[in-house]
Amino acid sequence: MNIKKVFTFALAGALSISMLAGCGSSSNESTTNESKEDTSLTDVQSAGHFTLGLDADFAPMGFTDDNGEIVGFDIDLAKAVGEKMGVDVEVKPIDWDSKDMELSSGKIDVIWNGFSITDERRQEVLFSNPYLSTKQSIVVKKGSDITKKADLAGKKIALQDGSTSEDALKADTATYESVGDDNISRFKENSQVLMEVDSGRADAAVIDEVFVRYYLQKENLLDKYTVLEEGFDEEDYGVGGRKGDYALMEAINKALDECKADGTTSEISQKWFGEDLIK
């Protein structure tokens, strides 16, 4: 065997060892990540609070009142849950379109603001048990000739960007195709969605029923809009956490159960809705 062949075999052997070492490192790293200790609950306990991210324009779940304070059903419920857990709640308004990034980056610990549980969201978010049900409603101006879903064909629709309003519309294939995607306008806030209908730039809005019924009553707009009896499929609200934060979510579920058992959730629901809507 000449010197050139010896060098070639030696180089090949070194590369093989290097590749094996690299594979071993990757495997160890993967194992380490999978077995990473879940400190989500102890982290919250050490901080003395968990940070709740919300769209502060989603009444009555979480919104800014006339005094500049963030209030709402979900705020009261979160504080009750925090009390059961022995921690405070820090409320942080976020851009709803960026909620997943806010959560994954650690800027917030949970998304808690009328957050609908969907199969798509389950891929990215760890959900609590559902605590309230709602549906996506169709809202039009009083006197509109739109009285049912079939009447939306070819009409201009307004809805909130990043919400499940669009998901619900698209899930109803016949209605969605009859409307056409070019006729859908998307806005950051639900109040803007209603303004589009009021101005005539949109013929109808697809909007969360819990929000719209509260908002129309509070703003004395019941004589201005009609909420159609026919809407889209019912959906559940849940608390959204980071994938892997099982300890924290287990504690939240336990606290939610305790709030239901002692009547706390019923009191909060009566305060905001005038009836007990809790699951």
C-alpha atoms as a PDB file:
ATOM      1  CA  MET A   1       0.000   0.000   0.000  1.00  0.00           C
ATOM      2  CA  ASN A   2       1.538   3.311  -1.023  1.00  0.00           C
ATOM      3  CA  ILE A   3       1.671   6.453   1.127  1.00  0.00           C
ATOM      4  CA  LYS A   4      -1.143   8.112  -0.810  1.00  0.00           C
ATOM      5  CA  LYS A   5      -3.533   5.204  -0.042  1.00  0.00           C
ATOM      6  CA  VAL A   6      -2.522   5.201   3.621  1.00  0.00           C
ATOM      7  CA  PHE A   7      -3.326   8.913   3.856  1.00  0.00           C
ATOM      8  CA  THR A   8      -6.661   8.384   2.112  1.00  0.00           C
ATOM      9  CA  PHE A   9      -7.722   5.617   4.517  1.00  0.00           C
ATOM     10  CA  ALA A  10      -6.596   7.621   7.518  1.00  0.00           C
ATOM     11  CA  LEU A  11      -8.587  10.649   6.382  1.00  0.00           C
ATOM     12  CA  ALA A  12     -11.691   8.538   5.770  1.00  0.00           C
ATOM     13  CA  GLY A  13     -11.379   7.020   9.242  1.00  0.00           C
ATOM     14  CA  ALA A  14     -11.064  10.419  10.854  1.00  0.00           C
ATOM     15  CA  LEU A  15     -14.137  11.679   9.020  1.00  0.00           C
ATOM     16  CA  SER A  16     -16.129   8.617  10.091  1.00  0.00           C
ATOM     17  CA  ILE A  17     -15.197   9.135  13.747  1.00  0.00           C
ATOM     18  CA  SER A  18     -16.084  12.818  13.454  1.00  0.00           C
ATOM     19  CA  MET A  19     -19.472  12.012  11.927  1.00  0.00           C
ATOM     20  CA  LEU A  20     -20.228   9.443  14.620  1.00  0.00           C
ATOM     21  CA  ALA A  21     -19.259  11.914  17.306  1.00  0.00           C
ATOM     22  CA  GLY A  22     -21.540  14.492  15.712  1.00  0.00           C
ATOM     23  CA  CYS A  23     -24.457  12.058  15.634  1.00  0.00           C
ATOM     24  CA  GLY A  24     -23.873  11.179  19.266  1.00  0.00           C
ATOM     25  CA  SER A  25     -23.899  14.845  20.238  1.00  0.00           C
ATOM     26  CA  SER A  26     -27.175  15.450  18.384  1.00  0.00           C
ATOM     27  CA  SER A  27     -28.789  12.438  20.028  1.00  0.00           C
ATOM     28  CA  ASN A  28     -27.682  13.524  23.482  1.00  0.00           C
ATOM     29  CA  GLU A  29     -28.972  17.045  22.840  1.00  0.00           C
ATOM     30  CA  SER A  30     -32.333  15.696  21.699  1.00  0.00           C
ATOM     31  CA  THR A  31     -32.581  13.470  24.739  1.00  0.00           C
ATOM     32  CA  THR A  32     -31.716  16.392  26.983  1.00  0.00           C
ATOM     33  CA  ASN A  33     -34.417  18.577  25.396  1.00  0.00           C
ATOM     34  CA  GLU A  34     -37.059  15.874  25.682  1.00  0.00           C
ATOM     35  CA  SER A  35     -36.241  15.235  29.326  1.00  0.00           C
ATOM     36  CA  LYS A  36     -35.983  18.919  30.241  1.00  0.00           C
ATOM     37  CA  GLU A  37     -37.545  19.516  33.641  1.00  0.00           C
ATOM     38  CA  ASP A  38     -40.886  21.315  33.609  1.00  0.00           C
ATOM     39  CA  THR A  39     -40.353  24.301  35.911  1.00  0.00           C
ATOM     40  CA  SER A  40     -43.326  26.308  34.606  1.00  0.00           C
ATOM     41  CA  LEU A  41     -45.229  26.261  37.898  1.00  0.00           C
ATOM     42  CA  THR A  42     -42.240  26.832  40.174  1.00  0.00           C
ATOM     43  CA  ASP A  43     -41.118  29.687  37.918  1.00  0.00           C
ATOM     44  CA  VAL A  44     -44.496  31.372  38.353  1.00  0.00           C
ATOM     45  CA  GLN A  45     -44.468  30.721  42.084  1.00  0.00           C
ATOM     46  CA  SER A  46     -40.972  32.182  42.381  1.00  0.00           C
ATOM     47  CA  ALA A  47     -41.993  35.274  40.402  1.00  0.00           C
ATOM     48  CA  GLY A  48     -45.137  35.584  42.513  1.00  0.00           C
ATOM     49  CA  HIS A  49     -47.345  36.051  39.448  1.00  0.00           C
ATOM     50  CA  PHE A  50     -48.169  34.819  35.980  1.00  0.00           C
ATOM     51  CA  THR A  51     -48.410  37.200  33.021  1.00  0.00           C
ATOM     52  CA  LEU A  52     -51.642  37.161  31.059  1.00  0.00           C
ATOM     53  CA  GLY A  53     -51.627  38.372  27.451  1.00  0.00           C
ATOM     54  CA  LEU A  54     -54.796  39.777  25.915  1.00  0.00           C
ATOM     55  CA  ASP A  55     -56.399  41.897  23.226  1.00  0.00           C
ATOM     56  CA  ALA A  56     -57.553  44.826  25.397  1.00  0.00           C
ATOM     57  CA  ASP A  57     -60.465  45.584  23.052  1.00  0.00           C
ATOM     58  CA  PHE A  58     -62.436  42.377  23.502  1.00  0.00           C
ATOM     59  CA  ALA A  59     -65.320  43.226  25.812  1.00  0.00           C
ATOM     60  CA  PRO A  60     -66.529  41.737  28.025  1.00  0.00           C
ATOM     61  CA  MET A  61     -63.692  39.214  28.258  1.00  0.00           C
ATOM     62  CA  GLY A  62     -60.850  41.715  28.660  1.00  0.00           C
ATOM     63  CA  PHE A  63     -60.916  45.388  27.689  1.00  0.00           C
ATOM     64  CA  THR A  64     -59.914  48.908  28.709  1.00  0.00           C
ATOM     65  CA  ASP A  65     -62.713  50.717  30.522  1.00  0.00           C
ATOM     66  CA  ASP A  66     -63.482  54.444  30.639  1.00  0.00           C
ATOM     67  CA  ASN A  67     -60.996  54.879  33.508  1.00  0.00           C
ATOM     68  CA  GLY A  68     -58.162  53.330  31.520  1.00  0.00           C
ATOM     69  CA  GLU A  69     -58.215  50.115  33.559  1.00  0.00           C
ATOM     70  CA  ILE A  70     -58.198  46.670  31.964  1.00  0.00           C
ATOM     71  CA  VAL A  71     -61.242  44.804  33.231  1.00  0.00           C
ATOM     72  CA  GLY A  72     -63.506  41.986  32.120  1.00  0.00           C
ATOM     73  CA  PHE A  73     -64.820  38.505  32.705  1.00  0.00           C
ATOM     74  CA  ASP A  74     -61.497  36.804  31.945  1.00  0.00           C
ATOM     75  CA  ILE A  75     -59.601  39.282  34.108  1.00  0.00           C
ATOM     76  CA  ASP A  76     -61.821  38.527  37.106  1.00  0.00           C
ATOM     77  CA  LEU A  77     -61.616  34.791  36.450  1.00  0.00           C
ATOM     78  CA  ALA A  78     -57.823  34.870  36.059  1.00  0.00           C
ATOM     79  CA  LYS A  79     -57.446  36.770  39.329  1.00  0.00           C
ATOM     80  CA  ALA A  80     -59.674  34.239  41.089  1.00  0.00           C
ATOM     81  CA  VAL A  81     -57.536  31.427  39.675  1.00  0.00           C
ATOM     82  CA  GLY A  82     -54.363  33.237  40.722  1.00  0.00           C
ATOM     83  CA  GLU A  83     -55.721  33.575  44.251  1.00  0.00           C
ATOM     84  CA  LYS A  84     -56.358  29.816  44.390  1.00  0.00           C
ATOM     85  CA  MET A  85     -52.783  29.246  43.186  1.00  0.00           C
ATOM     86  CA  GLY A  86     -51.333  31.751  45.665  1.00  0.00           C
ATOM     87  CA  VAL A  87     -49.961  34.108  42.988  1.00  0.00           C
ATOM     88  CA  ASP A  88     -50.879  37.464  41.455  1.00  0.00           C
ATOM     89  CA  VAL A  89     -51.870  38.127  37.848  1.00  0.00           C
ATOM     90  CA  GLU A  90     -50.009  40.599  35.666  1.00  0.00           C
ATOM     91  CA  VAL A  91     -52.134  41.781  32.730  1.00  0.00           C
ATOM     92  CA  LYS A  92     -50.317  42.665  29.506  1.00  0.00           C
ATOM     93  CA  PRO A  93     -52.050  43.983  26.353  1.00  0.00           C
ATOM     94  CA  ILE A  94     -50.573  42.440  23.199  1.00  0.00           C
ATOM     95  CA  ASP A  95     -51.037  42.603  19.456  1.00  0.00           C
ATOM     96  CA  TRP A  96     -53.464  39.724  18.922  1.00  0.00           C
ATOM     97  CA  ASP A  97     -51.821  38.859  15.600  1.00  0.00           C
ATOM     98  CA  SER A  98     -48.546  38.256  17.489  1.00  0.00           C
ATOM     99  CA  LYS A  99     -49.990  36.271  20.409  1.00  0.00           C
ATOM    100  CA  ASP A 100     -48.118  33.055  19.584  1.00  0.00           C
ATOM    101  CA  MET A 101     -44.798  34.906  19.408  1.00  0.00           C
ATOM    102  CA  GLU A 102     -45.497  36.712  22.690  1.00  0.00           C
ATOM    103  CA  LEU A 103     -46.160  33.346  24.321  1.00  0.00           C
ATOM    104  CA  SER A 104     -43.228  31.414  22.852  1.00  0.00           C
ATOM    105  CA  SER A 105     -40.783  34.228  23.623  1.00  0.00           C
ATOM    106  CA  GLY A 106     -41.749  34.166  27.306  1.00  0.00           C
ATOM    107  CA  LYS A 107     -43.099  37.713  27.374  1.00  0.00           C
ATOM    108  CA  ILE A 108     -46.389  36.281  28.614  1.00  0.00           C
ATOM    109  CA  ASP A 109     -47.150  33.023  30.405  1.00  0.00           C
ATOM    110  CA  VAL A 110     -50.686  32.476  29.104  1.00  0.00           C
ATOM    111  CA  ILE A 111     -53.124  33.774  26.503  1.00  0.00           C
ATOM    112  CA  TRP A 112     -56.361  34.388  28.365  1.00  0.00           C
ATOM    113  CA  ASN A 113     -58.906  36.492  26.508  1.00  0.00           C
ATOM    114  CA  GLY A 114     -61.816  34.659  24.945  1.00  0.00           C
ATOM    115  CA  PHE A 115     -59.242  32.352  23.319  1.00  0.00           C
ATOM    116  CA  SER A 116     -61.092  29.779  21.223  1.00  0.00           C
ATOM    117  CA  ILE A 117     -59.823  26.206  21.251  1.00  0.00           C
ATOM    118  CA  THR A 118     -59.212  24.895  17.730  1.00  0.00           C
ATOM    119  CA  ASP A 119     -57.358  21.903  16.307  1.00  0.00           C
ATOM    120  CA  GLU A 120     -54.994  24.245  14.487  1.00  0.00           C
ATOM    121  CA  ARG A 121     -54.143  26.161  17.651  1.00  0.00           C
ATOM    122  CA  ARG A 122     -53.599  22.915  19.555  1.00  0.00           C
ATOM    123  CA  GLN A 123     -50.577  22.335  17.334  1.00  0.00           C
ATOM    124  CA  GLU A 124     -48.870  25.377  18.847  1.00  0.00           C
ATOM    125  CA  VAL A 125     -50.563  25.907  22.209  1.00  0.00           C
ATOM    126  CA  LEU A 126     -51.242  23.852  25.339  1.00  0.00           C
ATOM    127  CA  PHE A 127     -54.871  24.512  26.300  1.00  0.00           C
ATOM    128  CA  SER A 128     -56.618  24.343  29.626  1.00  0.00           C
ATOM    129  CA  ASN A 129     -59.943  22.577  29.956  1.00  0.00           C
ATOM    130  CA  PRO A 130     -62.713  24.630  28.281  1.00  0.00           C
ATOM    131  CA  TYR A 131     -64.596  26.945  30.615  1.00  0.00           C
ATOM    132  CA  LEU A 132     -67.122  28.768  28.390  1.00  0.00           C
ATOM    133  CA  SER A 133     -68.810  28.247  25.014  1.00  0.00           C
ATOM    134  CA  THR A 134     -69.690  30.774  22.335  1.00  0.00           C
ATOM    135  CA  LYS A 135     -70.247  30.957  18.582  1.00  0.00           C
ATOM    136  CA  GLN A 136     -69.434  33.296  15.726  1.00  0.00           C
ATOM    137  CA  SER A 137     -72.419  35.488  14.944  1.00  0.00           C
ATOM    138  CA  ILE A 138     -73.459  37.370  11.831  1.00  0.00           C
ATOM    139  CA  VAL A 139     -74.220  41.052  12.477  1.00  0.00           C
ATOM    140  CA  VAL A 140     -75.915  43.443  10.042  1.00  0.00           C
ATOM    141  CA  LYS A 141     -77.462  46.899  10.186  1.00  0.00           C
ATOM    142  CA  LYS A 142     -81.110  47.147  11.123  1.00  0.00           C
ATOM    143  CA  GLY A 143     -83.264  46.849   8.017  1.00  0.00           C
ATOM    144  CA  SER A 144     -80.688  44.839   6.082  1.00  0.00           C
ATOM    145  CA  ASP A 145     -82.027  42.298   3.603  1.00  0.00           C
ATOM    146  CA  ILE A 146     -79.529  39.790   5.004  1.00  0.00           C
ATOM    147  CA  THR A 147     -81.509  37.514   7.343  1.00  0.00           C
ATOM    148  CA  LYS A 148     -79.635  34.206   7.036  1.00  0.00           C
ATOM    149  CA  LYS A 149     -76.246  32.792   6.007  1.00  0.00           C
ATOM    150  CA  ALA A 150     -77.392  32.112   2.452  1.00  0.00           C
ATOM    151  CA  ASP A 151     -77.954  35.858   1.993  1.00  0.00           C
ATOM    152  CA  LEU A 152     -74.211  36.531   2.432  1.00  0.00           C
ATOM    153  CA  ALA A 153     -73.480  35.348  -1.111  1.00  0.00           C
ATOM    154  CA  GLY A 154     -71.458  38.002  -2.912  1.00  0.00           C
ATOM    155  CA  LYS A 155     -71.674  40.391   0.047  1.00  0.00           C
ATOM    156  CA  LYS A 156     -68.792  42.265   1.701  1.00  0.00           C
ATOM    157  CA  ILE A 157     -67.822  40.779   5.068  1.00  0.00           C
ATOM    158  CA  ALA A 158     -65.745  42.357   7.853  1.00  0.00           C
ATOM    159  CA  LEU A 159     -64.034  40.361  10.616  1.00  0.00           C
ATOM    160  CA  GLN A 160     -61.129  40.543  13.067  1.00  0.00           C
ATOM    161  CA  ASP A 161     -57.745  39.492  11.730  1.00  0.00           C
ATOM    162  CA  GLY A 162     -56.200  36.564  13.585  1.00  0.00           C
ATOM    163  CA  SER A 163     -59.497  35.577  15.233  1.00  0.00           C
ATOM    164  CA  THR A 164     -61.592  32.440  14.824  1.00  0.00           C
ATOM    165  CA  SER A 165     -64.234  34.460  12.986  1.00  0.00           C
ATOM    166  CA  GLU A 166     -62.459  33.770   9.719  1.00  0.00           C
ATOM    167  CA  ASP A 167     -61.867  30.127  10.682  1.00  0.00           C
ATOM    168  CA  ALA A 168     -65.591  29.683  11.340  1.00  0.00           C
ATOM    169  CA  LEU A 169     -66.510  31.313   8.035  1.00  0.00           C
ATOM    170  CA  LYS A 170     -64.031  29.199   6.071  1.00  0.00           C
ATOM    171  CA  ALA A 171     -65.174  26.031   7.839  1.00  0.00           C
ATOM    172  CA  ASP A 172     -68.630  26.661   6.409  1.00  0.00           C
ATOM    173  CA  THR A 173     -67.461  25.913   2.886  1.00  0.00           C
ATOM    174  CA  ALA A 174     -70.707  26.723   1.109  1.00  0.00           C
ATOM    175  CA  THR A 175     -71.020  30.151   2.751  1.00  0.00           C
ATOM    176  CA  TYR A 176     -67.335  30.997   2.352  1.00  0.00           C
ATOM    177  CA  GLU A 177     -67.293  30.119  -1.339  1.00  0.00           C
ATOM    178  CA  SER A 178     -70.494  32.052  -1.953  1.00  0.00           C
ATOM    179  CA  VAL A 179     -68.950  35.158  -0.358  1.00  0.00           C
ATOM    180  CA  GLY A 180     -65.557  34.908  -2.064  1.00  0.00           C
ATOM    181  CA  ASP A 181     -62.271  35.750  -0.368  1.00  0.00           C
ATOM    182  CA  ASP A 182     -61.969  39.073  -2.198  1.00  0.00           C
ATOM    183  CA  ASN A 183     -65.080  40.255  -0.351  1.00  0.00           C
ATOM    184  CA  ILE A 184     -63.552  39.680   3.107  1.00  0.00           C
ATOM    185  CA  SER A 185     -61.930  42.617   4.932  1.00  0.00           C
ATOM    186  CA  ARG A 186     -59.829  42.054   8.060  1.00  0.00           C
ATOM    187  CA  PHE A 187     -59.283  44.490  10.934  1.00  0.00           C
ATOM    188  CA  LYS A 188     -57.289  44.535  14.153  1.00  0.00           C
ATOM    189  CA  GLU A 189     -60.167  45.304  16.514  1.00  0.00           C
ATOM    190  CA  ASN A 190     -63.766  44.148  16.730  1.00  0.00           C
ATOM    191  CA  SER A 191     -64.957  47.726  17.187  1.00  0.00           C
ATOM    192  CA  GLN A 192     -63.462  48.533  13.766  1.00  0.00           C
ATOM    193  CA  VAL A 193     -65.323  45.568  12.308  1.00  0.00           C
ATOM    194  CA  LEU A 194     -68.654  46.991  13.451  1.00  0.00           C
ATOM    195  CA  MET A 195     -67.717  50.456  12.175  1.00  0.00           C
ATOM    196  CA  GLU A 196     -67.299  48.961   8.700  1.00  0.00           C
ATOM    197  CA  VAL A 197     -70.873  47.696   8.827  1.00  0.00           C
ATOM    198  CA  ASP A 198     -72.141  50.991  10.203  1.00  0.00           C
ATOM    199  CA  SER A 199     -70.460  52.959   7.412  1.00  0.00           C
ATOM    200  CA  GLY A 200     -71.797  50.644   4.724  1.00  0.00           C
ATOM    201  CA  ARG A 201     -68.339  49.594   3.602  1.00  0.00           C
ATOM    202  CA  ALA A 202     -69.264  46.073   4.725  1.00  0.00           C
ATOM    203  CA  ASP A 203     -72.650  44.420   4.450  1.00  0.00           C
ATOM    204  CA  ALA A 204     -72.160  42.169   7.454  1.00  0.00           C
ATOM    205  CA  ALA A 205     -69.709  41.245  10.181  1.00  0.00           C
ATOM    206  CA  VAL A 206     -68.724  37.808  11.445  1.00  0.00           C
ATOM    207  CA  ILE A 207     -67.928  38.384  15.094  1.00  0.00           C
ATOM    208  CA  ASP A 208     -67.815  36.594  18.438  1.00  0.00           C
ATOM    209  CA  GLU A 209     -71.293  36.393  19.974  1.00  0.00           C
ATOM    210  CA  VAL A 210     -70.091  37.005  23.548  1.00  0.00           C
ATOM    211  CA  PHE A 211     -68.400  40.223  22.477  1.00  0.00           C
ATOM    212  CA  VAL A 212     -71.063  41.594  20.177  1.00  0.00           C
ATOM    213  CA  ARG A 213     -74.066  41.064  22.450  1.00  0.00           C
ATOM    214  CA  TYR A 214     -72.269  42.730  25.372  1.00  0.00           C
ATOM    215  CA  TYR A 215     -70.897  45.559  23.225  1.00  0.00           C
ATOM    216  CA  LEU A 216     -74.184  46.414  21.547  1.00  0.00           C
ATOM    217  CA  GLN A 217     -76.001  46.529  24.862  1.00  0.00           C
ATOM    218  CA  LYS A 218     -73.302  48.575  26.611  1.00  0.00           C
ATOM    219  CA  GLU A 219     -73.042  51.101  23.780  1.00  0.00           C
ATOM    220  CA  ASN A 220     -76.816  51.338  23.332  1.00  0.00           C
ATOM    221  CA  LEU A 221     -76.550  50.074  19.757  1.00  0.00           C
ATOM    222  CA  LEU A 222     -79.222  47.393  19.868  1.00  0.00           C
ATOM    223  CA  ASP A 223     -81.485  49.565  17.714  1.00  0.00           C
ATOM    224  CA  LYS A 224     -78.722  49.983  15.136  1.00  0.00           C
ATOM    225  CA  TYR A 225     -77.648  46.389  14.470  1.00  0.00           C
ATOM    226  CA  THR A 226     -79.252  42.974  14.190  1.00  0.00           C
ATOM    227  CA  VAL A 227     -77.572  39.749  15.345  1.00  0.00           C
ATOM    228  CA  LEU A 228     -78.905  36.975  13.133  1.00  0.00           C
ATOM    229  CA  GLU A 229     -80.307  33.859  14.783  1.00  0.00           C
ATOM    230  CA  GLU A 230     -78.314  31.739  12.345  1.00  0.00           C
ATOM    231  CA  GLY A 231     -74.600  31.747  13.012  1.00  0.00           C
ATOM    232  CA  PHE A 232     -71.621  29.419  12.829  1.00  0.00           C
ATOM    233  CA  ASP A 233     -70.608  26.382  14.875  1.00  0.00           C
ATOM    234  CA  GLU A 234     -70.208  26.645  18.645  1.00  0.00           C
ATOM    235  CA  GLU A 235     -66.661  26.870  20.015  1.00  0.00           C
ATOM    236  CA  ASP A 236     -65.058  26.657  23.442  1.00  0.00           C
ATOM    237  CA  TYR A 237     -62.858  29.170  25.247  1.00  0.00           C
ATOM    238  CA  GLY A 238     -59.730  27.998  27.048  1.00  0.00           C
ATOM    239  CA  VAL A 239     -56.514  29.317  28.568  1.00  0.00           C
ATOM    240  CA  GLY A 240     -53.545  28.954  26.215  1.00  0.00           C
ATOM    241  CA  GLY A 241     -50.060  28.128  27.491  1.00  0.00           C
ATOM    242  CA  ARG A 242     -46.703  27.096  26.103  1.00  0.00           C
ATOM    243  CA  LYS A 243     -46.249  23.530  24.892  1.00  0.00           C
ATOM    244  CA  GLY A 244     -44.524  21.654  27.699  1.00  0.00           C
ATOM    245  CA  ASP A 245     -45.805  23.895  30.519  1.00  0.00           C
ATOM    246  CA  TYR A 246     -47.889  21.041  31.888  1.00  0.00           C
ATOM    247  CA  ALA A 247     -47.320  21.809  35.567  1.00  0.00           C
ATOM    248  CA  LEU A 248     -48.621  25.366  35.207  1.00  0.00           C
ATOM    249  CA  MET A 249     -51.630  24.289  33.150  1.00  0.00           C
ATOM    250  CA  GLU A 250     -52.458  21.516  35.611  1.00  0.00           C
ATOM    251  CA  ALA A 251     -52.468  24.087  38.421  1.00  0.00           C
ATOM    252  CA  ILE A 252     -54.717  26.399  36.375  1.00  0.00           C
ATOM    253  CA  ASN A 253     -57.152  23.559  35.655  1.00  0.00           C
ATOM    254  CA  LYS A 254     -57.227  22.629  39.339  1.00  0.00           C
ATOM    255  CA  ALA A 255     -57.903  26.252  40.318  1.00  0.00           C
ATOM    256  CA  LEU A 256     -60.645  26.566  37.681  1.00  0.00           C
ATOM    257  CA  ASP A 257     -62.331  23.462  39.096  1.00  0.00           C
ATOM    258  CA  GLU A 258     -62.138  24.942  42.589  1.00  0.00           C
ATOM    259  CA  CYS A 259     -63.661  28.213  41.376  1.00  0.00           C
ATOM    260  CA  LYS A 260     -66.542  26.304  39.806  1.00  0.00           C
ATOM    261  CA  ALA A 261     -67.059  24.194  42.915  1.00  0.00           C
ATOM    262  CA  ASP A 262     -67.281  27.142  45.319  1.00  0.00           C
ATOM    263  CA  GLY A 263     -69.482  29.280  43.050  1.00  0.00           C
ATOM    264  CA  THR A 264     -66.833  31.874  42.171  1.00  0.00           C
ATOM    265  CA  THR A 265     -67.179  31.389  38.411  1.00  0.00           C
ATOM    266  CA  SER A 266     -70.965  31.604  38.660  1.00  0.00           C
ATOM    267  CA  GLU A 267     -70.713  34.956  40.463  1.00  0.00           C
ATOM    268  CA  ILE A 268     -68.308  36.322  37.854  1.00  0.00           C
ATOM    269  CA  SER A 269     -70.558  35.147  35.020  1.00  0.00           C
ATOM    270  CA  GLN A 270     -73.616  36.743  36.631  1.00  0.00           C
ATOM    271  CA  LYS A 271     -71.671  39.999  36.956  1.00  0.00           C
ATOM    272  CA  TRP A 272     -70.709  40.198  33.273  1.00  0.00           C
ATOM    273  CA  PHE A 273     -73.488  38.288  31.477  1.00  0.00           C
ATOM    274  CA  GLY A 274     -76.437  38.343  33.847  1.00  0.00           C
ATOM    275  CA  GLU A 275     -76.506  34.533  33.814  1.00  0.00           C
ATOM    276  CA  ASP A 276     -74.264  31.533  34.500  1.00  0.00           C
ATOM    277  CA  LEU A 277     -72.587  30.555  31.207  1.00  0.00           C
ATOM    278  CA  ILE A 278     -69.699  28.553  32.676  1.00  0.00           C
ATOM    279  CA  LYS A 279     -69.198  24.999  31.406  1.00  0.00           C
END
